[in-house]
Amino acid sequence: MIEVDVRGLSCPIPVVKTKKAMEQHPGEPLLVLTDNETSKENVSRLAQSQGYLVKVEKVSGLYRLLLKPHEE
């Protein structure tokens, strides 16, 4: 699984980094780590628009977004 750590970064950087990871690793699940509510929402929207299923876990102020490509 590809990990994208965008903790401490503000938008649009988390979205840009997540999109780049999607393009470099098509069809692979991604784990995005963020500590920012806005980044969580924006990355989730990007993933859904690209056909990924999104599962969000919040642990001690850290959001773990599991982005799984939608299987045809």
N, C-alpha and C. Protein backbone atom coordinates (compact mmCIF):
# COMPACT_ATOMS: atom_id res chain seq x y z
N MET A 1 0.85 -1.18 0.00
CA MET A 1 0.00 0.00 0.00
C MET A 1 0.89 1.24 0.00
N ILE A 2 0.51 2.21 -0.79
CA ILE A 2 1.27 3.45 -0.91
C ILE A 2 0.82 4.40 0.20
N GLU A 3 1.78 4.98 0.91
CA GLU A 3 1.46 5.92 1.99
C GLU A 3 1.80 7.33 1.55
N VAL A 4 0.85 8.24 1.77
CA VAL A 4 1.04 9.66 1.46
C VAL A 4 0.88 10.42 2.77
N ASP A 5 1.97 10.94 3.29
CA ASP A 5 1.95 11.65 4.57
C ASP A 5 1.91 13.15 4.30
N VAL A 6 0.76 13.76 4.57
CA VAL A 6 0.60 15.20 4.33
C VAL A 6 0.32 15.95 5.63
N ARG A 7 0.74 15.36 6.75
CA ARG A 7 0.56 16.03 8.04
C ARG A 7 1.33 17.34 8.04
N GLY A 8 0.68 18.37 8.58
CA GLY A 8 1.33 19.68 8.69
C GLY A 8 1.26 20.51 7.43
N LEU A 9 0.69 19.97 6.37
CA LEU A 9 0.59 20.71 5.10
C LEU A 9 -0.83 21.23 4.93
N SER A 10 -0.95 22.41 4.31
CA SER A 10 -2.28 22.97 4.07
C SER A 10 -2.63 22.86 2.59
N CYS A 11 -3.93 22.88 2.32
CA CYS A 11 -4.41 22.74 0.95
C CYS A 11 -3.92 23.92 0.12
N PRO A 12 -3.64 23.65 -1.14
CA PRO A 12 -3.97 22.45 -1.92
C PRO A 12 -2.90 21.36 -1.93
N ILE A 13 -1.82 21.51 -1.17
CA ILE A 13 -0.71 20.56 -1.25
C ILE A 13 -1.14 19.10 -0.98
N PRO A 14 -1.95 18.82 0.06
CA PRO A 14 -2.36 17.42 0.26
C PRO A 14 -3.11 16.81 -0.93
N VAL A 15 -3.95 17.63 -1.56
CA VAL A 15 -4.69 17.14 -2.73
C VAL A 15 -3.73 16.89 -3.90
N VAL A 16 -2.79 17.79 -4.10
CA VAL A 16 -1.82 17.65 -5.19
C VAL A 16 -0.97 16.39 -4.99
N LYS A 17 -0.49 16.18 -3.76
CA LYS A 17 0.34 15.01 -3.48
C LYS A 17 -0.46 13.71 -3.62
N THR A 18 -1.71 13.72 -3.19
CA THR A 18 -2.56 12.53 -3.32
C THR A 18 -2.83 12.23 -4.79
N LYS A 19 -3.15 13.26 -5.56
CA LYS A 19 -3.41 13.07 -7.00
C LYS A 19 -2.17 12.52 -7.70
N LYS A 20 -1.00 13.03 -7.35
CA LYS A 20 0.24 12.56 -7.95
C LYS A 20 0.46 11.07 -7.62
N ALA A 21 0.20 10.68 -6.38
CA ALA A 21 0.34 9.28 -5.98
C ALA A 21 -0.65 8.39 -6.75
N MET A 22 -1.86 8.89 -6.97
CA MET A 22 -2.86 8.13 -7.75
C MET A 22 -2.36 7.91 -9.17
N GLU A 23 -1.77 8.95 -9.75
CA GLU A 23 -1.29 8.86 -11.13
C GLU A 23 -0.07 7.94 -11.25
N GLN A 24 0.80 7.97 -10.23
CA GLN A 24 2.02 7.15 -10.26
C GLN A 24 1.75 5.68 -9.93
N HIS A 25 0.65 5.42 -9.21
CA HIS A 25 0.34 4.06 -8.77
C HIS A 25 -1.12 3.73 -9.08
N PRO A 26 -1.50 3.74 -10.35
CA PRO A 26 -2.91 3.50 -10.69
C PRO A 26 -3.37 2.12 -10.24
N GLY A 27 -4.58 2.08 -9.69
CA GLY A 27 -5.16 0.80 -9.28
C GLY A 27 -4.68 0.28 -7.94
N GLU A 28 -3.79 1.03 -7.26
CA GLU A 28 -3.29 0.59 -5.96
C GLU A 28 -3.96 1.37 -4.84
N PRO A 29 -4.22 0.71 -3.71
CA PRO A 29 -4.79 1.44 -2.57
C PRO A 29 -3.77 2.41 -1.99
N LEU A 30 -4.27 3.51 -1.46
CA LEU A 30 -3.42 4.54 -0.86
C LEU A 30 -3.84 4.75 0.59
N LEU A 31 -2.88 5.07 1.43
CA LEU A 31 -3.15 5.49 2.79
C LEU A 31 -2.66 6.92 2.92
N VAL A 32 -3.60 7.85 3.18
CA VAL A 32 -3.25 9.25 3.31
C VAL A 32 -3.35 9.63 4.79
N LEU A 33 -2.28 10.21 5.32
CA LEU A 33 -2.25 10.65 6.71
C LEU A 33 -2.30 12.17 6.75
N THR A 34 -3.28 12.72 7.47
CA THR A 34 -3.38 14.17 7.61
C THR A 34 -3.84 14.51 9.02
N ASP A 35 -3.51 15.71 9.44
CA ASP A 35 -3.94 16.17 10.77
C ASP A 35 -4.87 17.37 10.63
N ASN A 36 -5.47 17.51 9.47
CA ASN A 36 -6.24 18.70 9.14
C ASN A 36 -7.61 18.30 8.59
N GLU A 37 -8.66 18.84 9.20
CA GLU A 37 -10.04 18.53 8.79
C GLU A 37 -10.30 18.93 7.33
N THR A 38 -9.82 20.11 6.94
CA THR A 38 -10.04 20.58 5.57
C THR A 38 -9.35 19.67 4.57
N SER A 39 -8.13 19.27 4.86
CA SER A 39 -7.41 18.36 3.96
C SER A 39 -8.14 17.02 3.87
N LYS A 40 -8.65 16.53 4.99
CA LYS A 40 -9.40 15.28 4.99
C LYS A 40 -10.59 15.36 4.03
N GLU A 41 -11.33 16.47 4.13
CA GLU A 41 -12.51 16.64 3.27
C GLU A 41 -12.11 16.76 1.80
N ASN A 42 -11.09 17.56 1.51
CA ASN A 42 -10.69 17.79 0.12
C ASN A 42 -10.10 16.54 -0.52
N VAL A 43 -9.27 15.80 0.23
CA VAL A 43 -8.70 14.56 -0.31
C VAL A 43 -9.80 13.53 -0.51
N SER A 44 -10.76 13.46 0.40
CA SER A 44 -11.88 12.53 0.25
C SER A 44 -12.68 12.83 -1.01
N ARG A 45 -12.94 14.12 -1.25
CA ARG A 45 -13.68 14.51 -2.46
C ARG A 45 -12.92 14.15 -3.73
N LEU A 46 -11.61 14.41 -3.73
CA LEU A 46 -10.78 14.05 -4.88
C LEU A 46 -10.86 12.55 -5.13
N ALA A 47 -10.67 11.76 -4.08
CA ALA A 47 -10.66 10.31 -4.23
C ALA A 47 -11.99 9.80 -4.78
N GLN A 48 -13.09 10.30 -4.24
CA GLN A 48 -14.40 9.87 -4.73
C GLN A 48 -14.61 10.26 -6.19
N SER A 49 -14.13 11.44 -6.57
CA SER A 49 -14.28 11.88 -7.96
C SER A 49 -13.44 11.02 -8.91
N GLN A 50 -12.39 10.38 -8.37
CA GLN A 50 -11.53 9.52 -9.18
C GLN A 50 -11.95 8.05 -9.10
N GLY A 51 -13.07 7.78 -8.44
CA GLY A 51 -13.59 6.41 -8.38
C GLY A 51 -13.03 5.57 -7.25
N TYR A 52 -12.50 6.19 -6.21
CA TYR A 52 -11.98 5.46 -5.05
C TYR A 52 -13.04 5.40 -3.96
N LEU A 53 -13.04 4.28 -3.23
CA LEU A 53 -13.83 4.18 -2.02
C LEU A 53 -12.99 4.75 -0.89
N VAL A 54 -13.62 5.51 0.00
CA VAL A 54 -12.88 6.20 1.05
C VAL A 54 -13.34 5.71 2.42
N LYS A 55 -12.38 5.31 3.24
CA LYS A 55 -12.65 4.94 4.63
C LYS A 55 -11.79 5.84 5.50
N VAL A 56 -12.42 6.53 6.46
CA VAL A 56 -11.69 7.47 7.30
C VAL A 56 -11.68 6.97 8.74
N GLU A 57 -10.49 6.98 9.33
CA GLU A 57 -10.35 6.67 10.75
C GLU A 57 -9.69 7.87 11.41
N LYS A 58 -10.17 8.23 12.60
CA LYS A 58 -9.54 9.33 13.34
C LYS A 58 -8.94 8.75 14.62
N VAL A 59 -7.64 8.95 14.78
CA VAL A 59 -6.94 8.45 15.95
C VAL A 59 -6.08 9.57 16.52
N SER A 60 -6.40 10.02 17.71
CA SER A 60 -5.62 11.06 18.40
C SER A 60 -5.35 12.28 17.53
N GLY A 61 -6.37 12.79 16.87
CA GLY A 61 -6.22 13.99 16.05
C GLY A 61 -5.60 13.75 14.69
N LEU A 62 -5.32 12.49 14.37
CA LEU A 62 -4.76 12.13 13.07
C LEU A 62 -5.84 11.43 12.24
N TYR A 63 -5.99 11.87 11.01
CA TYR A 63 -6.92 11.21 10.10
C TYR A 63 -6.15 10.24 9.21
N ARG A 64 -6.63 9.01 9.18
CA ARG A 64 -6.08 7.98 8.28
C ARG A 64 -7.14 7.73 7.22
N LEU A 65 -6.84 8.10 5.99
CA LEU A 65 -7.78 7.90 4.89
C LEU A 65 -7.30 6.73 4.05
N LEU A 66 -8.08 5.68 4.04
CA LEU A 66 -7.78 4.53 3.20
C LEU A 66 -8.55 4.71 1.91
N LEU A 67 -7.81 4.86 0.81
CA LEU A 67 -8.42 5.07 -0.51
C LEU A 67 -8.25 3.80 -1.30
N LYS A 68 -9.36 3.18 -1.61
CA LYS A 68 -9.32 1.91 -2.33
C LYS A 68 -9.95 2.09 -3.70
N PRO A 69 -9.22 1.74 -4.75
CA PRO A 69 -9.80 1.88 -6.10
C PRO A 69 -11.07 1.04 -6.22
N HIS A 70 -12.06 1.61 -6.84
CA HIS A 70 -13.33 0.90 -7.04
C HIS A 70 -13.12 -0.19 -8.07
N GLU A 71 -13.42 -1.40 -7.70
CA GLU A 71 -13.21 -2.53 -8.63
C GLU A 71 -14.37 -2.62 -9.58
N GLU A 72 -14.04 -2.82 -10.82
CA GLU A 72 -15.07 -2.91 -11.88
C GLU A 72 -15.83 -4.21 -11.78
